[in-house]
Amino acid sequence: MALYEWLGIDYYNGFFECIRDHSVVMAPWVKYNLPDGLWLLSFLLFMEGIWGNEKRMKWVFCIMIVVFAFVVEYMQFIGYFLGTGDAWDIMAYITAILLFLLINKLKQISYEKIN
């Protein structure tokens, strides 16, 4: 079962075809890996915005989505979900996590300087 089928998304619609248009010259990691890292980073930052003061809840949701991302990648690797399941996606996830932690640390340092 493909992840897109599971979510009820038509993977072969015009939007996905436009993204994967081979006439557009673009580095492969920009087409395939960067969006994975960006969705994870955006979700983590969204959770920061919602649960910023409630540290425990923020980290529960952040850890859940990170585990979900790695599980989906593993399921792609073993062929259960549609996708490649490659190491570059894992690197994009790790980069997003590190960037999120860096942003949190810089925010904390900035907050301490103000107070």
PDB file of N, CA and C in Angstrom:
ATOM      1  N   MET A   1       0.849  -1.176   0.000  1.00  0.00           N
ATOM      2  CA  MET A   1       0.000   0.000   0.000  1.00  0.00           C
ATOM      3  C   MET A   1       0.895   1.239   0.000  1.00  0.00           C
ATOM      4  N   ALA A   2       0.632   2.143  -0.898  1.00  0.00           N
ATOM      5  CA  ALA A   2       1.411   3.369  -0.992  1.00  0.00           C
ATOM      6  C   ALA A   2       0.918   4.370   0.041  1.00  0.00           C
ATOM      7  N   LEU A   3       1.820   5.160   0.554  1.00  0.00           N
ATOM      8  CA  LEU A   3       1.467   6.163   1.548  1.00  0.00           C
ATOM      9  C   LEU A   3       0.420   7.111   0.988  1.00  0.00           C
ATOM     10  N   TYR A   4       0.557   7.489  -0.268  1.00  0.00           N
ATOM     11  CA  TYR A   4      -0.394   8.419  -0.866  1.00  0.00           C
ATOM     12  C   TYR A   4      -1.782   7.806  -0.969  1.00  0.00           C
ATOM     13  N   GLU A   5      -1.862   6.529  -1.258  1.00  0.00           N
ATOM     14  CA  GLU A   5      -3.159   5.846  -1.289  1.00  0.00           C
ATOM     15  C   GLU A   5      -3.749   5.805   0.110  1.00  0.00           C
ATOM     16  N   TRP A   6      -2.922   5.540   1.087  1.00  0.00           N
ATOM     17  CA  TRP A   6      -3.350   5.463   2.474  1.00  0.00           C
ATOM     18  C   TRP A   6      -3.931   6.794   2.930  1.00  0.00           C
ATOM     19  N   LEU A   7      -3.330   7.891   2.449  1.00  0.00           N
ATOM     20  CA  LEU A   7      -3.814   9.223   2.799  1.00  0.00           C
ATOM     21  C   LEU A   7      -4.912   9.713   1.863  1.00  0.00           C
ATOM     22  N   GLY A   8      -5.210   8.940   0.815  1.00  0.00           N
ATOM     23  CA  GLY A   8      -6.250   9.326  -0.132  1.00  0.00           C
ATOM     24  C   GLY A   8      -5.810  10.388  -1.118  1.00  0.00           C
ATOM     25  N   ILE A   9      -4.513  10.438  -1.427  1.00  0.00           N
ATOM     26  CA  ILE A   9      -3.978  11.427  -2.356  1.00  0.00           C
ATOM     27  C   ILE A   9      -3.648  10.729  -3.671  1.00  0.00           C
ATOM     28  N   ASP A  10      -4.049  11.351  -4.781  1.00  0.00           N
ATOM     29  CA  ASP A  10      -3.739  10.808  -6.102  1.00  0.00           C
ATOM     30  C   ASP A  10      -2.316  11.219  -6.476  1.00  0.00           C
ATOM     31  N   TYR A  11      -1.383  10.278  -6.351  1.00  0.00           N
ATOM     32  CA  TYR A  11       0.028  10.563  -6.595  1.00  0.00           C
ATOM     33  C   TYR A  11       0.296  10.948  -8.045  1.00  0.00           C
ATOM     34  N   TYR A  12      -0.534  10.502  -8.958  1.00  0.00           N
ATOM     35  CA  TYR A  12      -0.287  10.727 -10.382  1.00  0.00           C
ATOM     36  C   TYR A  12      -1.060  11.923 -10.925  1.00  0.00           C
ATOM     37  N   ASN A  13      -1.499  12.833 -10.062  1.00  0.00           N
ATOM     38  CA  ASN A  13      -2.213  14.009 -10.542  1.00  0.00           C
ATOM     39  C   ASN A  13      -1.236  15.036 -11.110  1.00  0.00           C
ATOM     40  N   GLY A  14      -1.749  16.123 -11.637  1.00  0.00           N
ATOM     41  CA  GLY A  14      -0.928  17.124 -12.312  1.00  0.00           C
ATOM     42  C   GLY A  14       0.083  17.807 -11.418  1.00  0.00           C
ATOM     43  N   PHE A  15      -0.231  17.993 -10.150  1.00  0.00           N
ATOM     44  CA  PHE A  15       0.690  18.664  -9.246  1.00  0.00           C
ATOM     45  C   PHE A  15       1.988  17.889  -9.101  1.00  0.00           C
ATOM     46  N   PHE A  16       1.892  16.604  -8.840  1.00  0.00           N
ATOM     47  CA  PHE A  16       3.096  15.792  -8.671  1.00  0.00           C
ATOM     48  C   PHE A  16       3.849  15.634  -9.992  1.00  0.00           C
ATOM     49  N   GLU A  17       3.125  15.551 -11.084  1.00  0.00           N
ATOM     50  CA  GLU A  17       3.780  15.443 -12.390  1.00  0.00           C
ATOM     51  C   GLU A  17       4.562  16.714 -12.704  1.00  0.00           C
ATOM     52  N   CYS A  18       4.015  17.867 -12.348  1.00  0.00           N
ATOM     53  CA  CYS A  18       4.693  19.137 -12.585  1.00  0.00           C
ATOM     54  C   CYS A  18       5.992  19.217 -11.788  1.00  0.00           C
ATOM     55  N   ILE A  19       5.972  18.736 -10.553  1.00  0.00           N
ATOM     56  CA  ILE A  19       7.166  18.765  -9.713  1.00  0.00           C
ATOM     57  C   ILE A  19       8.259  17.881 -10.303  1.00  0.00           C
ATOM     58  N   ARG A  20       7.877  16.756 -10.826  1.00  0.00           N
ATOM     59  CA  ARG A  20       8.848  15.795 -11.336  1.00  0.00           C
ATOM     60  C   ARG A  20       9.095  15.924 -12.842  1.00  0.00           C
ATOM     61  N   ASP A  21       8.744  17.072 -13.412  1.00  0.00           N
ATOM     62  CA  ASP A  21       8.965  17.339 -14.830  1.00  0.00           C
ATOM     63  C   ASP A  21      10.467  17.306 -15.112  1.00  0.00           C
ATOM     64  N   HIS A  22      10.867  16.451 -16.027  1.00  0.00           N
ATOM     65  CA  HIS A  22      12.293  16.272 -16.298  1.00  0.00           C
ATOM     66  C   HIS A  22      12.870  17.346 -17.218  1.00  0.00           C
ATOM     67  N   SER A  23      12.014  18.190 -17.796  1.00  0.00           N
ATOM     68  CA  SER A  23      12.542  19.264 -18.639  1.00  0.00           C
ATOM     69  C   SER A  23      13.077  20.424 -17.796  1.00  0.00           C
ATOM     70  N   VAL A  24      12.696  20.466 -16.522  1.00  0.00           N
ATOM     71  CA  VAL A  24      13.205  21.495 -15.620  1.00  0.00           C
ATOM     72  C   VAL A  24      14.543  21.033 -15.069  1.00  0.00           C
ATOM     73  N   VAL A  25      15.595  21.836 -15.313  1.00  0.00           N
ATOM     74  CA  VAL A  25      16.927  21.472 -14.860  1.00  0.00           C
ATOM     75  C   VAL A  25      17.086  21.909 -13.405  1.00  0.00           C
ATOM     76  N   MET A  26      17.268  20.914 -12.553  1.00  0.00           N
ATOM     77  CA  MET A  26      17.374  21.178 -11.129  1.00  0.00           C
ATOM     78  C   MET A  26      18.158  20.021 -10.508  1.00  0.00           C
ATOM     79  N   ALA A  27      18.935  20.321  -9.500  1.00  0.00           N
ATOM     80  CA  ALA A  27      19.677  19.265  -8.815  1.00  0.00           C
ATOM     81  C   ALA A  27      18.679  18.250  -8.247  1.00  0.00           C
ATOM     82  N   PRO A  28      18.962  16.958  -8.359  1.00  0.00           N
ATOM     83  CA  PRO A  28      18.021  15.938  -7.874  1.00  0.00           C
ATOM     84  C   PRO A  28      17.676  16.084  -6.394  1.00  0.00           C
ATOM     85  N   TRP A  29      18.637  16.490  -5.566  1.00  0.00           N
ATOM     86  CA  TRP A  29      18.346  16.609  -4.139  1.00  0.00           C
ATOM     87  C   TRP A  29      17.351  17.729  -3.868  1.00  0.00           C
ATOM     88  N   VAL A  30      17.312  18.754  -4.743  1.00  0.00           N
ATOM     89  CA  VAL A  30      16.348  19.841  -4.577  1.00  0.00           C
ATOM     90  C   VAL A  30      14.939  19.335  -4.881  1.00  0.00           C
ATOM     91  N   LYS A  31      14.818  18.481  -5.888  1.00  0.00           N
ATOM     92  CA  LYS A  31      13.512  17.937  -6.272  1.00  0.00           C
ATOM     93  C   LYS A  31      12.997  16.898  -5.289  1.00  0.00           C
ATOM     94  N   TYR A  32      13.881  16.056  -4.806  1.00  0.00           N
ATOM     95  CA  TYR A  32      13.430  14.878  -4.080  1.00  0.00           C
ATOM     96  C   TYR A  32      13.704  14.900  -2.575  1.00  0.00           C
ATOM     97  N   ASN A  33      14.830  15.442  -2.149  1.00  0.00           N
ATOM     98  CA  ASN A  33      15.199  15.371  -0.736  1.00  0.00           C
ATOM     99  C   ASN A  33      14.894  16.644   0.042  1.00  0.00           C
ATOM    100  N   LEU A  34      15.101  17.784  -0.564  1.00  0.00           N
ATOM    101  CA  LEU A  34      14.852  19.050   0.119  1.00  0.00           C
ATOM    102  C   LEU A  34      13.401  19.168   0.612  1.00  0.00           C
ATOM    103  N   PRO A  35      12.394  18.807  -0.188  1.00  0.00           N
ATOM    104  CA  PRO A  35      11.020  18.895   0.331  1.00  0.00           C
ATOM    105  C   PRO A  35      10.789  18.053   1.584  1.00  0.00           C
ATOM    106  N   ASP A  36      11.439  16.905   1.677  1.00  0.00           N
ATOM    107  CA  ASP A  36      11.298  16.070   2.878  1.00  0.00           C
ATOM    108  C   ASP A  36      11.838  16.786   4.111  1.00  0.00           C
ATOM    109  N   GLY A  37      13.006  17.378   3.977  1.00  0.00           N
ATOM    110  CA  GLY A  37      13.576  18.109   5.101  1.00  0.00           C
ATOM    111  C   GLY A  37      12.762  19.340   5.453  1.00  0.00           C
ATOM    112  N   LEU A  38      12.225  20.009   4.437  1.00  0.00           N
ATOM    113  CA  LEU A  38      11.454  21.220   4.685  1.00  0.00           C
ATOM    114  C   LEU A  38      10.123  20.944   5.369  1.00  0.00           C
ATOM    115  N   TRP A  39       9.466  19.829   4.989  1.00  0.00           N
ATOM    116  CA  TRP A  39       8.185  19.543   5.660  1.00  0.00           C
ATOM    117  C   TRP A  39       8.427  19.203   7.120  1.00  0.00           C
ATOM    118  N   LEU A  40       9.517  18.485   7.411  1.00  0.00           N
ATOM    119  CA  LEU A  40       9.802  18.152   8.801  1.00  0.00           C
ATOM    120  C   LEU A  40      10.151  19.414   9.594  1.00  0.00           C
ATOM    121  N   LEU A  41      10.996  20.266   9.023  1.00  0.00           N
ATOM    122  CA  LEU A  41      11.361  21.512   9.702  1.00  0.00           C
ATOM    123  C   LEU A  41      10.129  22.386   9.923  1.00  0.00           C
ATOM    124  N   SER A  42       9.278  22.486   8.917  1.00  0.00           N
ATOM    125  CA  SER A  42       8.088  23.329   9.065  1.00  0.00           C
ATOM    126  C   SER A  42       7.163  22.775  10.137  1.00  0.00           C
ATOM    127  N   PHE A  43       7.021  21.457  10.221  1.00  0.00           N
ATOM    128  CA  PHE A  43       6.172  20.886  11.264  1.00  0.00           C
ATOM    129  C   PHE A  43       6.764  21.143  12.641  1.00  0.00           C
ATOM    130  N   LEU A  44       8.063  20.964  12.775  1.00  0.00           N
ATOM    131  CA  LEU A  44       8.709  21.203  14.062  1.00  0.00           C
ATOM    132  C   LEU A  44       8.564  22.661  14.491  1.00  0.00           C
ATOM    133  N   LEU A  45       8.742  23.579  13.560  1.00  0.00           N
ATOM    134  CA  LEU A  45       8.586  25.000  13.880  1.00  0.00           C
ATOM    135  C   LEU A  45       7.126  25.343  14.191  1.00  0.00           C
ATOM    136  N   PHE A  46       6.203  24.670  13.515  1.00  0.00           N
ATOM    137  CA  PHE A  46       4.781  24.860  13.801  1.00  0.00           C
ATOM    138  C   PHE A  46       4.465  24.411  15.225  1.00  0.00           C
ATOM    139  N   MET A  47       5.012  23.277  15.625  1.00  0.00           N
ATOM    140  CA  MET A  47       4.814  22.798  16.995  1.00  0.00           C
ATOM    141  C   MET A  47       5.445  23.753  18.002  1.00  0.00           C
ATOM    142  N   GLU A  48       6.564  24.337  17.635  1.00  0.00           N
ATOM    143  CA  GLU A  48       7.207  25.345  18.493  1.00  0.00           C
ATOM    144  C   GLU A  48       6.280  26.539  18.670  1.00  0.00           C
ATOM    145  N   GLY A  49       5.642  26.950  17.589  1.00  0.00           N
ATOM    146  CA  GLY A  49       4.731  28.081  17.664  1.00  0.00           C
ATOM    147  C   GLY A  49       3.499  27.794  18.509  1.00  0.00           C
ATOM    148  N   ILE A  50       2.992  26.588  18.419  1.00  0.00           N
ATOM    149  CA  ILE A  50       1.794  26.228  19.180  1.00  0.00           C
ATOM    150  C   ILE A  50       2.124  25.953  20.638  1.00  0.00           C
ATOM    151  N   TRP A  51       3.150  25.143  20.875  1.00  0.00           N
ATOM    152  CA  TRP A  51       3.448  24.664  22.226  1.00  0.00           C
ATOM    153  C   TRP A  51       4.708  25.294  22.804  1.00  0.00           C
ATOM    154  N   GLY A  52       5.077  26.482  22.354  1.00  0.00           N
ATOM    155  CA  GLY A  52       6.318  27.117  22.786  1.00  0.00           C
ATOM    156  C   GLY A  52       6.507  27.196  24.293  1.00  0.00           C
ATOM    157  N   ASN A  53       5.451  27.555  25.027  1.00  0.00           N
ATOM    158  CA  ASN A  53       5.566  27.691  26.478  1.00  0.00           C
ATOM    159  C   ASN A  53       5.380  26.361  27.199  1.00  0.00           C
ATOM    160  N   GLU A  54       4.735  25.445  26.551  1.00  0.00           N
ATOM    161  CA  GLU A  54       4.446  24.128  27.136  1.00  0.00           C
ATOM    162  C   GLU A  54       5.498  23.140  26.620  1.00  0.00           C
ATOM    163  N   LYS A  55       6.666  23.145  27.259  1.00  0.00           N
ATOM    164  CA  LYS A  55       7.810  22.389  26.743  1.00  0.00           C
ATOM    165  C   LYS A  55       7.550  20.893  26.611  1.00  0.00           C
ATOM    166  N   ARG A  56       6.870  20.314  27.572  1.00  0.00           N
ATOM    167  CA  ARG A  56       6.650  18.867  27.537  1.00  0.00           C
ATOM    168  C   ARG A  56       5.804  18.468  26.326  1.00  0.00           C
ATOM    169  N   MET A  57       4.697  19.178  26.097  1.00  0.00           N
ATOM    170  CA  MET A  57       3.822  18.859  24.969  1.00  0.00           C
ATOM    171  C   MET A  57       4.531  19.095  23.641  1.00  0.00           C
ATOM    172  N   LYS A  58       5.316  20.169  23.574  1.00  0.00           N
ATOM    173  CA  LYS A  58       6.044  20.460  22.338  1.00  0.00           C
ATOM    174  C   LYS A  58       6.963  19.295  21.984  1.00  0.00           C
ATOM    175  N   TRP A  59       7.708  18.813  22.950  1.00  0.00           N
ATOM    176  CA  TRP A  59       8.657  17.745  22.673  1.00  0.00           C
ATOM    177  C   TRP A  59       7.968  16.420  22.397  1.00  0.00           C
ATOM    178  N   VAL A  60       6.813  16.178  22.998  1.00  0.00           N
ATOM    179  CA  VAL A  60       6.054  14.953  22.694  1.00  0.00           C
ATOM    180  C   VAL A  60       5.673  14.946  21.218  1.00  0.00           C
ATOM    181  N   PHE A  61       5.104  16.053  20.736  1.00  0.00           N
ATOM    182  CA  PHE A  61       4.700  16.121  19.335  1.00  0.00           C
ATOM    183  C   PHE A  61       5.903  16.110  18.398  1.00  0.00           C
ATOM    184  N   CYS A  62       6.966  16.785  18.771  1.00  0.00           N
ATOM    185  CA  CYS A  62       8.167  16.808  17.923  1.00  0.00           C
ATOM    186  C   CYS A  62       8.779  15.421  17.796  1.00  0.00           C
ATOM    187  N   ILE A  63       8.871  14.719  18.902  1.00  0.00           N
ATOM    188  CA  ILE A  63       9.443  13.367  18.857  1.00  0.00           C
ATOM    189  C   ILE A  63       8.535  12.434  18.062  1.00  0.00           C
ATOM    190  N   MET A  64       7.223  12.590  18.221  1.00  0.00           N
ATOM    191  CA  MET A  64       6.290  11.747  17.467  1.00  0.00           C
ATOM    192  C   MET A  64       6.449  11.935  15.963  1.00  0.00           C
ATOM    193  N   ILE A  65       6.563  13.175  15.492  1.00  0.00           N
ATOM    194  CA  ILE A  65       6.666  13.407  14.055  1.00  0.00           C
ATOM    195  C   ILE A  65       8.019  12.961  13.521  1.00  0.00           C
ATOM    196  N   VAL A  66       9.071  13.103  14.314  1.00  0.00           N
ATOM    197  CA  VAL A  66      10.389  12.634  13.879  1.00  0.00           C
ATOM    198  C   VAL A  66      10.384  11.112  13.749  1.00  0.00           C
ATOM    199  N   VAL A  67       9.809  10.434  14.715  1.00  0.00           N
ATOM    200  CA  VAL A  67       9.700   8.968  14.639  1.00  0.00           C
ATOM    201  C   VAL A  67       8.862   8.578  13.432  1.00  0.00           C
ATOM    202  N   PHE A  68       7.749   9.293  13.198  1.00  0.00           N
ATOM    203  CA  PHE A  68       6.899   9.017  12.044  1.00  0.00           C
ATOM    204  C   PHE A  68       7.687   9.152  10.738  1.00  0.00           C
ATOM    205  N   ALA A  69       8.490  10.220  10.624  1.00  0.00           N
ATOM    206  CA  ALA A  69       9.273  10.447   9.406  1.00  0.00           C
ATOM    207  C   ALA A  69      10.246   9.296   9.157  1.00  0.00           C
ATOM    208  N   PHE A  70      10.931   8.860  10.199  1.00  0.00           N
ATOM    209  CA  PHE A  70      11.890   7.766  10.028  1.00  0.00           C
ATOM    210  C   PHE A  70      11.194   6.436   9.755  1.00  0.00           C
ATOM    211  N   VAL A  71      10.030   6.214  10.360  1.00  0.00           N
ATOM    212  CA  VAL A  71       9.285   4.976  10.108  1.00  0.00           C
ATOM    213  C   VAL A  71       8.788   4.938   8.657  1.00  0.00           C
ATOM    214  N   VAL A  72       8.265   6.053   8.178  1.00  0.00           N
ATOM    215  CA  VAL A  72       7.810   6.105   6.788  1.00  0.00           C
ATOM    216  C   VAL A  72       8.978   5.869   5.841  1.00  0.00           C
ATOM    217  N   GLU A  73      10.103   6.449   6.143  1.00  0.00           N
ATOM    218  CA  GLU A  73      11.286   6.246   5.285  1.00  0.00           C
ATOM    219  C   GLU A  73      11.694   4.772   5.282  1.00  0.00           C
ATOM    220  N   TYR A  74      11.654   4.141   6.437  1.00  0.00           N
ATOM    221  CA  TYR A  74      11.974   2.715   6.523  1.00  0.00           C
ATOM    222  C   TYR A  74      10.952   1.883   5.745  1.00  0.00           C
ATOM    223  N   MET A  75       9.680   2.239   5.864  1.00  0.00           N
ATOM    224  CA  MET A  75       8.637   1.510   5.129  1.00  0.00           C
ATOM    225  C   MET A  75       8.825   1.664   3.617  1.00  0.00           C
ATOM    226  N   GLN A  76       9.300   2.811   3.177  1.00  0.00           N
ATOM    227  CA  GLN A  76       9.625   2.990   1.764  1.00  0.00           C
ATOM    228  C   GLN A  76      10.802   2.105   1.384  1.00  0.00           C
ATOM    229  N   PHE A  77      11.784   2.038   2.254  1.00  0.00           N
ATOM    230  CA  PHE A  77      12.982   1.232   1.982  1.00  0.00           C
ATOM    231  C   PHE A  77      12.639  -0.243   1.807  1.00  0.00           C
ATOM    232  N   ILE A  78      11.721  -0.764   2.633  1.00  0.00           N
ATOM    233  CA  ILE A  78      11.366  -2.179   2.524  1.00  0.00           C
ATOM    234  C   ILE A  78      10.285  -2.427   1.474  1.00  0.00           C
ATOM    235  N   GLY A  79       9.774  -1.341   0.857  1.00  0.00           N
ATOM    236  CA  GLY A  79       8.822  -1.486  -0.229  1.00  0.00           C
ATOM    237  C   GLY A  79       7.363  -1.486   0.180  1.00  0.00           C
ATOM    238  N   TYR A  80       7.061  -1.174   1.414  1.00  0.00           N
ATOM    239  CA  TYR A  80       5.673  -1.164   1.869  1.00  0.00           C
ATOM    240  C   TYR A  80       4.950   0.099   1.419  1.00  0.00           C
ATOM    241  N   PHE A  81       5.650   1.246   1.398  1.00  0.00           N
ATOM    242  CA  PHE A  81       5.093   2.501   0.912  1.00  0.00           C
ATOM    243  C   PHE A  81       5.778   2.871  -0.385  1.00  0.00           C
ATOM    244  N   LEU A  82       5.073   3.620  -1.216  1.00  0.00           N
ATOM    245  CA  LEU A  82       5.627   4.129  -2.454  1.00  0.00           C
ATOM    246  C   LEU A  82       6.715   5.147  -2.127  1.00  0.00           C
ATOM    247  N   GLY A  83       7.872   5.001  -2.722  1.00  0.00           N
ATOM    248  CA  GLY A  83       8.984   5.914  -2.483  1.00  0.00           C
ATOM    249  C   GLY A  83      10.308   5.189  -2.587  1.00  0.00           C
ATOM    250  N   THR A  84      11.374   5.920  -2.376  1.00  0.00           N
ATOM    251  CA  THR A  84      12.699   5.340  -2.553  1.00  0.00           C
ATOM    252  C   THR A  84      13.308   4.832  -1.263  1.00  0.00           C
ATOM    253  N   GLY A  85      13.056   5.511  -0.158  1.00  0.00           N
ATOM    254  CA  GLY A  85      13.652   5.089   1.106  1.00  0.00           C
ATOM    255  C   GLY A  85      15.159   5.177   1.085  1.00  0.00           C
ATOM    256  N   ASP A  86      15.679   6.319   0.653  1.00  0.00           N
ATOM    257  CA  ASP A  86      17.135   6.443   0.511  1.00  0.00           C
ATOM    258  C   ASP A  86      17.773   7.217   1.660  1.00  0.00           C
ATOM    259  N   ALA A  87      19.077   7.137   1.714  1.00  0.00           N
ATOM    260  CA  ALA A  87      19.846   7.772   2.789  1.00  0.00           C
ATOM    261  C   ALA A  87      19.798   9.291   2.699  1.00  0.00           C
ATOM    262  N   TRP A  88      19.604   9.850   1.515  1.00  0.00           N
ATOM    263  CA  TRP A  88      19.556  11.311   1.374  1.00  0.00           C
ATOM    264  C   TRP A  88      18.323  11.888   2.052  1.00  0.00           C
ATOM    265  N   ASP A  89      17.227  11.153   2.056  1.00  0.00           N
ATOM    266  CA  ASP A  89      16.049  11.618   2.803  1.00  0.00           C
ATOM    267  C   ASP A  89      16.338  11.631   4.296  1.00  0.00           C
ATOM    268  N   ILE A  90      17.033  10.612   4.765  1.00  0.00           N
ATOM    269  CA  ILE A  90      17.417  10.566   6.180  1.00  0.00           C
ATOM    270  C   ILE A  90      18.319  11.753   6.510  1.00  0.00           C
ATOM    271  N   MET A  91      19.244  12.070   5.611  1.00  0.00           N
ATOM    272  CA  MET A  91      20.121  13.230   5.824  1.00  0.00           C
ATOM    273  C   MET A  91      19.315  14.524   5.855  1.00  0.00           C
ATOM    274  N   ALA A  92      18.295  14.627   5.006  1.00  0.00           N
ATOM    275  CA  ALA A  92      17.436  15.815   5.016  1.00  0.00           C
ATOM    276  C   ALA A  92      16.692  15.921   6.343  1.00  0.00           C
ATOM    277  N   TYR A  93      16.222  14.795   6.873  1.00  0.00           N
ATOM    278  CA  TYR A  93      15.540  14.799   8.174  1.00  0.00           C
ATOM    279  C   TYR A  93      16.492  15.211   9.287  1.00  0.00           C
ATOM    280  N   ILE A  94      17.687  14.653   9.272  1.00  0.00           N
ATOM    281  CA  ILE A  94      18.674  14.980  10.305  1.00  0.00           C
ATOM    282  C   ILE A  94      19.046  16.463  10.237  1.00  0.00           C
ATOM    283  N   THR A  95      19.217  16.977   9.025  1.00  0.00           N
ATOM    284  CA  THR A  95      19.523  18.397   8.855  1.00  0.00           C
ATOM    285  C   THR A  95      18.390  19.265   9.393  1.00  0.00           C
ATOM    286  N   ALA A  96      17.147  18.875   9.110  1.00  0.00           N
ATOM    287  CA  ALA A  96      15.995  19.629   9.609  1.00  0.00           C
ATOM    288  C   ALA A  96      15.953  19.615  11.135  1.00  0.00           C
ATOM    289  N   ILE A  97      16.228  18.467  11.729  1.00  0.00           N
ATOM    290  CA  ILE A  97      16.228  18.360  13.193  1.00  0.00           C
ATOM    291  C   ILE A  97      17.321  19.240  13.788  1.00  0.00           C
ATOM    292  N   LEU A  98      18.517  19.188  13.213  1.00  0.00           N
ATOM    293  CA  LEU A  98      19.622  20.009  13.715  1.00  0.00           C
ATOM    294  C   LEU A  98      19.327  21.497  13.553  1.00  0.00           C
ATOM    295  N   LEU A  99      18.726  21.859  12.438  1.00  0.00           N
ATOM    296  CA  LEU A  99      18.362  23.251  12.214  1.00  0.00           C
ATOM    297  C   LEU A  99      17.316  23.711  13.228  1.00  0.00           C
ATOM    298  N   PHE A 100      16.358  22.860  13.519  1.00  0.00           N
ATOM    299  CA  PHE A 100      15.333  23.166  14.523  1.00  0.00           C
ATOM    300  C   PHE A 100      15.972  23.361  15.900  1.00  0.00           C
ATOM    301  N   LEU A 101      16.878  22.468  16.264  1.00  0.00           N
ATOM    302  CA  LEU A 101      17.546  22.589  17.563  1.00  0.00           C
ATOM    303  C   LEU A 101      18.404  23.847  17.628  1.00  0.00           C
ATOM    304  N   LEU A 102      19.062  24.185  16.528  1.00  0.00           N
ATOM    305  CA  LEU A 102      19.864  25.409  16.462  1.00  0.00           C
ATOM    306  C   LEU A 102      18.978  26.644  16.627  1.00  0.00           C
ATOM    307  N   ILE A 103      17.837  26.662  15.937  1.00  0.00           N
ATOM    308  CA  ILE A 103      16.910  27.787  16.061  1.00  0.00           C
ATOM    309  C   ILE A 103      16.427  27.918  17.497  1.00  0.00           C
ATOM    310  N   ASN A 104      16.101  26.796  18.125  1.00  0.00           N
ATOM    311  CA  ASN A 104      15.665  26.826  19.526  1.00  0.00           C
ATOM    312  C   ASN A 104      16.756  27.371  20.433  1.00  0.00           C
ATOM    313  N   LYS A 105      17.987  26.942  20.219  1.00  0.00           N
ATOM    314  CA  LYS A 105      19.108  27.395  21.048  1.00  0.00           C
ATOM    315  C   LYS A 105      19.356  28.884  20.855  1.00  0.00           C
ATOM    316  N   LEU A 106      19.322  29.353  19.606  1.00  0.00           N
ATOM    317  CA  LEU A 106      19.516  30.781  19.341  1.00  0.00           C
ATOM    318  C   LEU A 106      18.390  31.609  19.945  1.00  0.00           C
ATOM    319  N   LYS A 107      17.178  31.083  19.905  1.00  0.00           N
ATOM    320  CA  LYS A 107      16.042  31.776  20.518  1.00  0.00           C
ATOM    321  C   LYS A 107      16.226  31.870  22.028  1.00  0.00           C
ATOM    322  N   GLN A 108      16.709  30.788  22.619  1.00  0.00           N
ATOM    323  CA  GLN A 108      16.935  30.769  24.070  1.00  0.00           C
ATOM    324  C   GLN A 108      18.035  31.758  24.458  1.00  0.00           C
ATOM    325  N   ILE A 109      19.119  31.790  23.686  1.00  0.00           N
ATOM    326  CA  ILE A 109      20.212  32.724  23.960  1.00  0.00           C
ATOM    327  C   ILE A 109      19.732  34.158  23.827  1.00  0.00           C
ATOM    328  N   SER A 110      18.958  34.426  22.781  1.00  0.00           N
ATOM    329  CA  SER A 110      18.420  35.760  22.566  1.00  0.00           C
ATOM    330  C   SER A 110      17.491  36.165  23.703  1.00  0.00           C
ATOM    331  N   TYR A 111      16.668  35.250  24.151  1.00  0.00           N
ATOM    332  CA  TYR A 111      15.742  35.528  25.253  1.00  0.00           C
ATOM    333  C   TYR A 111      16.507  35.818  26.552  1.00  0.00           C
ATOM    334  N   GLU A 112      17.590  35.076  26.796  1.00  0.00           N
ATOM    335  CA  GLU A 112      18.386  35.285  28.011  1.00  0.00           C
ATOM    336  C   GLU A 112      19.092  36.645  27.983  1.00  0.00           C
ATOM    337  N   LYS A 113      19.515  37.112  26.809  1.00  0.00           N
ATOM    338  CA  LYS A 113      20.179  38.402  26.705  1.00  0.00           C
ATOM    339  C   LYS A 113      19.202  39.540  26.979  1.00  0.00           C
ATOM    340  N   ILE A 114      17.948  39.365  26.571  1.00  0.00           N
ATOM    341  CA  ILE A 114      16.936  40.388  26.778  1.00  0.00           C
ATOM    342  C   ILE A 114      16.599  40.494  28.268  1.00  0.00           C
ATOM    343  N   ASN A 115      16.506  39.356  28.930  1.00  0.00           N
ATOM    344  CA  ASN A 115      16.132  39.353  30.357  1.00  0.00           C
ATOM    345  C   ASN A 115      17.349  39.321  31.170  1.00  0.00           C
TER     346      ASN A 115
END
